[in-house]
Amino acid sequence: MTKVQTDSRSIRIKGRSFLAVVLTPDLPLDQWLERLDDLAARSAGFFLGRPVVLDVTELQIDRQQLAEFLAHLAQRNVSIMGIEGARHSMIAPGMPPVLKGGRPAGDVDVASVEPVAVAVQPAVPDSGDTQPEPQATVLQAPRSALQSLVINEPVRSGQSIIFTEGDVTIVGSVASGAEVIAGGSVHVYGTLRGRAMAGSVGNSQARIFCRKLEAELIAIDGIYKMAEDLPTDLLGQPVQVWLEGDAIVAGKVN
């Protein structure tokens, strides 16, 4: 039987780049999951709507252990889009695919065009019980032409500012439930109540500056710390945060 093609329209296939969170667990896995629970408990919605890649390159586990670990992550509503560094013998049917070729987002080749900034759209008030979807700011520009992003307004709850090419400056406050992710440093000329992640593509020299520290979470080059883990005398103060080895250090800005 010959199938007659009645629709001549083609299928449109486009490329997209997303900034994925890469989880790199260590052994023993049960203790790592406890730390993940602690992070999730103190930063609600951290993994909500975010692509997550599981890096098992350094893990000496077998297929059964990987399956059980994925199940534990699924119970925590952490959806793994792909697995990096896995041996073929570790992948069972139904598991996320093996991903290769991952690289820092800052290395993505961008066409040589004029910088185009997409303005932050405030979350639309919802009269129902549903939570507003996070609003991401995407900035497309040649890396060499634009290495800083300035947001001249507060960052509201549910909004995400993602800029992996360099520094992000917020001329205002960052509300609880909002987040700022920068490849370089993060500067907040207001109160930092949400999450701030500097050096997100592998920059241990990045820093976080804010006029008033009340953050839910701060992170530099993948090392994170909750505000309550910082010295209490720094909360509510103008603070800078930097990385020394694998430890986050904070100090008051005079």
C-alpha atoms as a PDB file:
ATOM      1  CA  MET A   1       0.000   0.000   0.000  1.00  0.00           C
ATOM      2  CA  THR A   2       1.366   3.384  -1.000  1.00  0.00           C
ATOM      3  CA  LYS A   3       1.024   6.223   1.508  1.00  0.00           C
ATOM      4  CA  VAL A   4       0.014   9.480  -0.128  1.00  0.00           C
ATOM      5  CA  GLN A   5       1.747  12.540   1.257  1.00  0.00           C
ATOM      6  CA  THR A   6      -0.976  15.164   1.659  1.00  0.00           C
ATOM      7  CA  ASP A   7       0.880  17.772   3.690  1.00  0.00           C
ATOM      8  CA  SER A   8       3.857  19.303   1.954  1.00  0.00           C
ATOM      9  CA  ARG A   9       4.902  21.419   4.936  1.00  0.00           C
ATOM     10  CA  SER A  10       8.328  20.580   6.298  1.00  0.00           C
ATOM     11  CA  ILE A  11       9.204  19.946   9.931  1.00  0.00           C
ATOM     12  CA  ARG A  12      11.036  22.860  11.467  1.00  0.00           C
ATOM     13  CA  ILE A  13      14.061  21.928  13.525  1.00  0.00           C
ATOM     14  CA  LYS A  14      15.897  24.622  15.471  1.00  0.00           C
ATOM     15  CA  GLY A  15      18.811  24.739  17.835  1.00  0.00           C
ATOM     16  CA  ARG A  16      18.505  25.967  21.395  1.00  0.00           C
ATOM     17  CA  SER A  17      21.066  26.526  24.128  1.00  0.00           C
ATOM     18  CA  PHE A  18      20.079  26.182  27.747  1.00  0.00           C
ATOM     19  CA  LEU A  19      22.178  26.660  30.829  1.00  0.00           C
ATOM     20  CA  ALA A  20      21.980  23.276  32.540  1.00  0.00           C
ATOM     21  CA  VAL A  21      22.756  22.503  36.132  1.00  0.00           C
ATOM     22  CA  VAL A  22      25.322  19.714  36.354  1.00  0.00           C
ATOM     23  CA  LEU A  23      25.099  17.543  39.444  1.00  0.00           C
ATOM     24  CA  THR A  24      28.374  15.807  40.328  1.00  0.00           C
ATOM     25  CA  PRO A  25      27.558  13.536  43.262  1.00  0.00           C
ATOM     26  CA  ASP A  26      30.186  11.833  45.360  1.00  0.00           C
ATOM     27  CA  LEU A  27      30.215   8.706  47.480  1.00  0.00           C
ATOM     28  CA  PRO A  28      28.548   7.671  49.672  1.00  0.00           C
ATOM     29  CA  LEU A  29      25.454   8.584  47.706  1.00  0.00           C
ATOM     30  CA  ASP A  30      23.079   8.521  50.676  1.00  0.00           C
ATOM     31  CA  GLN A  31      25.057  11.274  52.372  1.00  0.00           C
ATOM     32  CA  TRP A  32      25.186  13.274  49.152  1.00  0.00           C
ATOM     33  CA  LEU A  33      21.407  12.983  48.875  1.00  0.00           C
ATOM     34  CA  GLU A  34      21.085  14.316  52.419  1.00  0.00           C
ATOM     35  CA  ARG A  35      23.076  17.386  51.390  1.00  0.00           C
ATOM     36  CA  LEU A  36      20.875  17.754  48.312  1.00  0.00           C
ATOM     37  CA  ASP A  37      17.790  17.596  50.531  1.00  0.00           C
ATOM     38  CA  ASP A  38      19.277  20.296  52.699  1.00  0.00           C
ATOM     39  CA  LEU A  39      19.846  22.501  49.652  1.00  0.00           C
ATOM     40  CA  ALA A  40      16.325  21.903  48.334  1.00  0.00           C
ATOM     41  CA  ALA A  41      14.748  22.544  51.732  1.00  0.00           C
ATOM     42  CA  ARG A  42      16.418  25.903  52.078  1.00  0.00           C
ATOM     43  CA  SER A  43      16.030  27.002  48.479  1.00  0.00           C
ATOM     44  CA  ALA A  44      12.607  25.934  47.284  1.00  0.00           C
ATOM     45  CA  GLY A  45      12.235  25.637  43.534  1.00  0.00           C
ATOM     46  CA  PHE A  46      15.966  25.491  42.878  1.00  0.00           C
ATOM     47  CA  PHE A  47      15.523  22.671  40.339  1.00  0.00           C
ATOM     48  CA  LEU A  48      12.072  23.706  39.126  1.00  0.00           C
ATOM     49  CA  GLY A  49      11.961  23.961  35.335  1.00  0.00           C
ATOM     50  CA  ARG A  50      15.729  23.720  35.068  1.00  0.00           C
ATOM     51  CA  PRO A  51      17.568  21.264  32.799  1.00  0.00           C
ATOM     52  CA  VAL A  52      19.758  19.027  34.945  1.00  0.00           C
ATOM     53  CA  VAL A  53      22.639  16.834  33.801  1.00  0.00           C
ATOM     54  CA  LEU A  54      24.049  14.095  36.020  1.00  0.00           C
ATOM     55  CA  ASP A  55      27.832  13.747  35.833  1.00  0.00           C
ATOM     56  CA  VAL A  56      28.941  10.290  37.007  1.00  0.00           C
ATOM     57  CA  THR A  57      32.451  10.447  35.597  1.00  0.00           C
ATOM     58  CA  GLU A  58      34.088  10.026  38.992  1.00  0.00           C
ATOM     59  CA  LEU A  59      31.559   7.562  40.424  1.00  0.00           C
ATOM     60  CA  GLN A  60      32.466   3.876  40.703  1.00  0.00           C
ATOM     61  CA  ILE A  61      28.944   2.505  40.558  1.00  0.00           C
ATOM     62  CA  ASP A  62      27.162  -0.128  38.470  1.00  0.00           C
ATOM     63  CA  ARG A  63      23.926  -0.071  36.505  1.00  0.00           C
ATOM     64  CA  GLN A  64      21.756  -1.104  39.465  1.00  0.00           C
ATOM     65  CA  GLN A  65      23.200   1.577  41.707  1.00  0.00           C
ATOM     66  CA  LEU A  66      22.741   4.193  38.999  1.00  0.00           C
ATOM     67  CA  ALA A  67      19.116   3.149  38.516  1.00  0.00           C
ATOM     68  CA  GLU A  68      18.458   3.411  42.245  1.00  0.00           C
ATOM     69  CA  PHE A  69      20.142   6.792  42.398  1.00  0.00           C
ATOM     70  CA  LEU A  70      18.043   8.118  39.505  1.00  0.00           C
ATOM     71  CA  ALA A  71      14.948   6.890  41.323  1.00  0.00           C
ATOM     72  CA  HIS A  72      15.984   8.802  44.440  1.00  0.00           C
ATOM     73  CA  LEU A  73      16.432  11.948  42.341  1.00  0.00           C
ATOM     74  CA  ALA A  74      13.041  11.450  40.704  1.00  0.00           C
ATOM     75  CA  GLN A  75      11.427  11.201  44.138  1.00  0.00           C
ATOM     76  CA  ARG A  76      12.893  14.635  44.809  1.00  0.00           C
ATOM     77  CA  ASN A  77      11.437  16.003  41.550  1.00  0.00           C
ATOM     78  CA  VAL A  78      14.903  16.366  40.035  1.00  0.00           C
ATOM     79  CA  SER A  79      14.479  15.426  36.377  1.00  0.00           C
ATOM     80  CA  ILE A  80      17.706  14.336  34.716  1.00  0.00           C
ATOM     81  CA  MET A  81      17.844  15.232  31.021  1.00  0.00           C
ATOM     82  CA  GLY A  82      21.077  13.352  30.374  1.00  0.00           C
ATOM     83  CA  ILE A  83      23.979  11.498  31.943  1.00  0.00           C
ATOM     84  CA  GLU A  84      27.573  12.509  31.378  1.00  0.00           C
ATOM     85  CA  GLY A  85      30.571  10.236  31.856  1.00  0.00           C
ATOM     86  CA  ALA A  86      28.587   6.976  32.027  1.00  0.00           C
ATOM     87  CA  ARG A  87      29.843   3.690  30.636  1.00  0.00           C
ATOM     88  CA  HIS A  88      27.538   2.002  28.147  1.00  0.00           C
ATOM     89  CA  SER A  89      27.178  -0.945  30.534  1.00  0.00           C
ATOM     90  CA  MET A  90      25.637   1.399  33.110  1.00  0.00           C
ATOM     91  CA  ILE A  91      22.749   2.520  30.926  1.00  0.00           C
ATOM     92  CA  ALA A  92      19.565   0.464  31.101  1.00  0.00           C
ATOM     93  CA  PRO A  93      16.472   0.973  28.933  1.00  0.00           C
ATOM     94  CA  GLY A  94      14.428   3.924  30.110  1.00  0.00           C
ATOM     95  CA  MET A  95      17.367   5.802  31.586  1.00  0.00           C
ATOM     96  CA  PRO A  96      18.245   9.306  30.384  1.00  0.00           C
ATOM     97  CA  PRO A  97      20.601   9.317  27.390  1.00  0.00           C
ATOM     98  CA  VAL A  98      24.344   9.635  27.642  1.00  0.00           C
ATOM     99  CA  LEU A  99      25.493  13.137  26.807  1.00  0.00           C
ATOM    100  CA  LYS A 100      28.889  13.946  25.394  1.00  0.00           C
ATOM    101  CA  GLY A 101      30.642  17.101  24.416  1.00  0.00           C
ATOM    102  CA  GLY A 102      29.374  19.274  27.236  1.00  0.00           C
ATOM    103  CA  ARG A 103      31.228  22.534  27.521  1.00  0.00           C
ATOM    104  CA  PRO A 104      30.850  25.795  29.403  1.00  0.00           C
ATOM    105  CA  ALA A 105      28.087  27.927  27.980  1.00  0.00           C
ATOM    106  CA  GLY A 106      30.532  30.746  27.432  1.00  0.00           C
ATOM    107  CA  ASP A 107      32.254  28.741  24.717  1.00  0.00           C
ATOM    108  CA  VAL A 108      29.166  28.507  22.540  1.00  0.00           C
ATOM    109  CA  ASP A 109      29.822  30.071  19.183  1.00  0.00           C
ATOM    110  CA  VAL A 110      27.526  32.990  18.519  1.00  0.00           C
ATOM    111  CA  ALA A 111      26.977  34.561  15.142  1.00  0.00           C
ATOM    112  CA  SER A 112      28.574  37.947  14.631  1.00  0.00           C
ATOM    113  CA  VAL A 113      25.582  40.211  15.117  1.00  0.00           C
ATOM    114  CA  GLU A 114      24.841  43.305  17.095  1.00  0.00           C
ATOM    115  CA  PRO A 115      24.012  42.677  20.747  1.00  0.00           C
ATOM    116  CA  VAL A 116      20.298  42.205  21.269  1.00  0.00           C
ATOM    117  CA  ALA A 117      18.957  42.363  24.799  1.00  0.00           C
ATOM    118  CA  VAL A 118      15.581  40.944  25.614  1.00  0.00           C
ATOM    119  CA  ALA A 119      13.990  43.031  28.338  1.00  0.00           C
ATOM    120  CA  VAL A 120      12.870  41.391  31.528  1.00  0.00           C
ATOM    121  CA  GLN A 121       9.118  40.941  31.524  1.00  0.00           C
ATOM    122  CA  PRO A 122       7.524  41.172  34.963  1.00  0.00           C
ATOM    123  CA  ALA A 123       5.596  38.128  36.078  1.00  0.00           C
ATOM    124  CA  VAL A 124       1.905  38.395  35.258  1.00  0.00           C
ATOM    125  CA  PRO A 125      -0.204  38.383  38.441  1.00  0.00           C
ATOM    126  CA  ASP A 126      -2.274  35.248  38.659  1.00  0.00           C
ATOM    127  CA  SER A 127      -5.580  35.302  40.457  1.00  0.00           C
ATOM    128  CA  GLY A 128      -5.504  31.518  40.822  1.00  0.00           C
ATOM    129  CA  ASP A 129      -3.366  29.253  42.954  1.00  0.00           C
ATOM    130  CA  THR A 130      -0.803  28.467  40.252  1.00  0.00           C
ATOM    131  CA  GLN A 131       2.700  29.809  40.709  1.00  0.00           C
ATOM    132  CA  PRO A 132       4.076  32.167  38.068  1.00  0.00           C
ATOM    133  CA  GLU A 133       6.516  30.599  35.638  1.00  0.00           C
ATOM    134  CA  PRO A 134      10.102  31.794  36.062  1.00  0.00           C
ATOM    135  CA  GLN A 135      10.949  34.445  33.494  1.00  0.00           C
ATOM    136  CA  ALA A 136      14.414  34.093  32.057  1.00  0.00           C
ATOM    137  CA  THR A 137      16.367  36.883  30.506  1.00  0.00           C
ATOM    138  CA  VAL A 138      18.289  35.697  27.479  1.00  0.00           C
ATOM    139  CA  LEU A 139      20.933  37.881  25.991  1.00  0.00           C
ATOM    140  CA  GLN A 140      22.401  36.991  22.643  1.00  0.00           C
ATOM    141  CA  ALA A 141      25.638  38.712  21.781  1.00  0.00           C
ATOM    142  CA  PRO A 142      29.144  37.962  20.604  1.00  0.00           C
ATOM    143  CA  ARG A 143      31.226  37.083  23.625  1.00  0.00           C
ATOM    144  CA  SER A 144      33.958  39.503  22.731  1.00  0.00           C
ATOM    145  CA  ALA A 145      31.560  42.403  22.203  1.00  0.00           C
ATOM    146  CA  LEU A 146      29.583  42.238  25.421  1.00  0.00           C
ATOM    147  CA  GLN A 147      30.928  41.026  28.745  1.00  0.00           C
ATOM    148  CA  SER A 148      28.600  42.710  31.179  1.00  0.00           C
ATOM    149  CA  LEU A 149      24.868  43.004  31.638  1.00  0.00           C
ATOM    150  CA  VAL A 150      23.155  45.814  33.547  1.00  0.00           C
ATOM    151  CA  ILE A 151      19.563  45.401  34.759  1.00  0.00           C
ATOM    152  CA  ASN A 152      18.095  48.787  35.669  1.00  0.00           C
ATOM    153  CA  GLU A 153      15.201  47.452  37.678  1.00  0.00           C
ATOM    154  CA  PRO A 154      14.568  45.067  40.567  1.00  0.00           C
ATOM    155  CA  VAL A 155      14.495  41.361  39.883  1.00  0.00           C
ATOM    156  CA  ARG A 156      11.129  40.058  41.028  1.00  0.00           C
ATOM    157  CA  SER A 157      10.260  36.707  42.550  1.00  0.00           C
ATOM    158  CA  GLY A 158      10.154  33.971  39.913  1.00  0.00           C
ATOM    159  CA  GLN A 159      12.447  35.796  37.505  1.00  0.00           C
ATOM    160  CA  SER A 160      15.838  34.461  36.428  1.00  0.00           C
ATOM    161  CA  ILE A 161      18.659  36.543  35.040  1.00  0.00           C
ATOM    162  CA  ILE A 162      21.094  34.284  33.200  1.00  0.00           C
ATOM    163  CA  PHE A 163      24.179  35.746  31.580  1.00  0.00           C
ATOM    164  CA  THR A 164      27.142  33.430  31.167  1.00  0.00           C
ATOM    165  CA  GLU A 165      29.308  35.862  29.222  1.00  0.00           C
ATOM    166  CA  GLY A 166      30.437  38.025  32.120  1.00  0.00           C
ATOM    167  CA  ASP A 167      29.315  40.197  35.020  1.00  0.00           C
ATOM    168  CA  VAL A 168      25.724  41.018  35.925  1.00  0.00           C
ATOM    169  CA  THR A 169      24.856  44.268  37.686  1.00  0.00           C
ATOM    170  CA  ILE A 170      21.438  44.748  39.239  1.00  0.00           C
ATOM    171  CA  VAL A 171      20.546  48.378  39.947  1.00  0.00           C
ATOM    172  CA  GLY A 172      17.977  47.407  42.537  1.00  0.00           C
ATOM    173  CA  SER A 173      17.141  44.454  44.721  1.00  0.00           C
ATOM    174  CA  VAL A 174      16.792  40.743  44.003  1.00  0.00           C
ATOM    175  CA  ALA A 175      13.605  39.415  45.577  1.00  0.00           C
ATOM    176  CA  SER A 176      13.168  36.139  47.388  1.00  0.00           C
ATOM    177  CA  GLY A 177      12.502  33.429  44.807  1.00  0.00           C
ATOM    178  CA  ALA A 178      14.464  35.261  42.098  1.00  0.00           C
ATOM    179  CA  GLU A 179      17.905  34.307  40.894  1.00  0.00           C
ATOM    180  CA  VAL A 180      20.878  35.824  39.118  1.00  0.00           C
ATOM    181  CA  ILE A 181      23.347  33.534  37.335  1.00  0.00           C
ATOM    182  CA  ALA A 182      26.512  35.076  35.899  1.00  0.00           C
ATOM    183  CA  GLY A 183      29.595  33.721  34.232  1.00  0.00           C
ATOM    184  CA  GLY A 184      31.490  36.511  35.979  1.00  0.00           C
ATOM    185  CA  SER A 185      30.701  38.457  39.131  1.00  0.00           C
ATOM    186  CA  VAL A 186      27.292  39.503  40.450  1.00  0.00           C
ATOM    187  CA  HIS A 187      26.763  43.065  41.680  1.00  0.00           C
ATOM    188  CA  VAL A 188      23.522  43.935  43.467  1.00  0.00           C
ATOM    189  CA  TYR A 189      23.007  47.602  44.346  1.00  0.00           C
ATOM    190  CA  GLY A 190      20.165  46.741  46.661  1.00  0.00           C
ATOM    191  CA  THR A 191      19.077  43.881  48.878  1.00  0.00           C
ATOM    192  CA  LEU A 192      19.983  40.389  47.758  1.00  0.00           C
ATOM    193  CA  ARG A 193      17.151  38.181  49.030  1.00  0.00           C
ATOM    194  CA  GLY A 194      17.087  35.530  46.291  1.00  0.00           C
ATOM    195  CA  ARG A 195      19.821  33.375  44.825  1.00  0.00           C
ATOM    196  CA  ALA A 196      23.057  34.614  43.287  1.00  0.00           C
ATOM    197  CA  MET A 197      25.463  32.339  41.427  1.00  0.00           C
ATOM    198  CA  ALA A 198      28.705  33.820  40.142  1.00  0.00           C
ATOM    199  CA  GLY A 199      31.369  32.141  38.019  1.00  0.00           C
ATOM    200  CA  SER A 200      28.744  29.706  36.775  1.00  0.00           C
ATOM    201  CA  VAL A 201      30.798  28.501  33.787  1.00  0.00           C
ATOM    202  CA  GLY A 202      33.969  27.861  35.728  1.00  0.00           C
ATOM    203  CA  ASN A 203      35.359  31.099  37.111  1.00  0.00           C
ATOM    204  CA  SER A 204      36.723  30.764  40.616  1.00  0.00           C
ATOM    205  CA  GLN A 205      37.802  34.422  40.613  1.00  0.00           C
ATOM    206  CA  ALA A 206      34.245  35.707  40.346  1.00  0.00           C
ATOM    207  CA  ARG A 207      32.690  37.486  43.309  1.00  0.00           C
ATOM    208  CA  ILE A 208      29.305  38.494  44.630  1.00  0.00           C
ATOM    209  CA  PHE A 209      28.729  42.009  45.882  1.00  0.00           C
ATOM    210  CA  CYS A 210      25.538  43.289  47.454  1.00  0.00           C
ATOM    211  CA  ARG A 211      24.477  46.275  49.473  1.00  0.00           C
ATOM    212  CA  LYS A 212      22.420  44.185  51.881  1.00  0.00           C
ATOM    213  CA  LEU A 213      22.830  40.431  52.276  1.00  0.00           C
ATOM    214  CA  GLU A 214      19.661  38.454  52.934  1.00  0.00           C
ATOM    215  CA  ALA A 215      20.262  35.789  50.286  1.00  0.00           C
ATOM    216  CA  GLU A 216      18.621  32.403  50.102  1.00  0.00           C
ATOM    217  CA  LEU A 217      21.668  30.946  48.390  1.00  0.00           C
ATOM    218  CA  ILE A 218      24.979  32.160  47.081  1.00  0.00           C
ATOM    219  CA  ALA A 219      27.366  30.168  44.906  1.00  0.00           C
ATOM    220  CA  ILE A 220      30.683  30.726  43.189  1.00  0.00           C
ATOM    221  CA  ASP A 221      32.075  28.287  40.625  1.00  0.00           C
ATOM    222  CA  GLY A 222      29.661  25.596  41.808  1.00  0.00           C
ATOM    223  CA  ILE A 223      30.449  25.948  45.513  1.00  0.00           C
ATOM    224  CA  TYR A 224      27.332  27.089  47.321  1.00  0.00           C
ATOM    225  CA  LYS A 225      26.413  28.302  50.755  1.00  0.00           C
ATOM    226  CA  MET A 226      23.168  29.346  52.353  1.00  0.00           C
ATOM    227  CA  ALA A 227      22.885  32.714  54.048  1.00  0.00           C
ATOM    228  CA  GLU A 228      22.265  31.153  57.439  1.00  0.00           C
ATOM    229  CA  ASP A 229      25.635  29.434  57.085  1.00  0.00           C
ATOM    230  CA  LEU A 230      27.350  32.803  56.917  1.00  0.00           C
ATOM    231  CA  PRO A 231      28.379  34.733  60.035  1.00  0.00           C
ATOM    232  CA  THR A 232      25.268  36.334  61.455  1.00  0.00           C
ATOM    233  CA  ASP A 233      26.974  39.686  61.804  1.00  0.00           C
ATOM    234  CA  LEU A 234      27.111  39.910  57.981  1.00  0.00           C
ATOM    235  CA  LEU A 235      23.392  39.441  57.415  1.00  0.00           C
ATOM    236  CA  GLY A 236      21.776  42.714  56.471  1.00  0.00           C
ATOM    237  CA  GLN A 237      25.187  44.251  55.785  1.00  0.00           C
ATOM    238  CA  PRO A 238      26.992  45.309  52.590  1.00  0.00           C
ATOM    239  CA  VAL A 239      29.003  42.214  51.755  1.00  0.00           C
ATOM    240  CA  GLN A 240      31.345  40.772  49.187  1.00  0.00           C
ATOM    241  CA  VAL A 241      31.738  37.034  48.740  1.00  0.00           C
ATOM    242  CA  TRP A 242      34.612  35.215  47.130  1.00  0.00           C
ATOM    243  CA  LEU A 243      36.191  31.776  46.879  1.00  0.00           C
ATOM    244  CA  GLU A 244      39.335  30.591  48.646  1.00  0.00           C
ATOM    245  CA  GLY A 245      40.091  27.043  47.536  1.00  0.00           C
ATOM    246  CA  ASP A 246      36.843  25.147  48.036  1.00  0.00           C
ATOM    247  CA  ALA A 247      35.577  27.486  50.735  1.00  0.00           C
ATOM    248  CA  ILE A 248      33.295  30.471  50.327  1.00  0.00           C
ATOM    249  CA  VAL A 249      34.494  33.492  52.257  1.00  0.00           C
ATOM    250  CA  ALA A 250      32.477  36.611  52.980  1.00  0.00           C
ATOM    251  CA  GLY A 251      33.468  39.981  54.324  1.00  0.00           C
ATOM    252  CA  LYS A 252      31.819  43.297  54.992  1.00  0.00           C
ATOM    253  CA  VAL A 253      32.313  46.049  52.418  1.00  0.00           C
ATOM    254  CA  ASN A 254      33.180  49.337  54.094  1.00  0.00           C
END
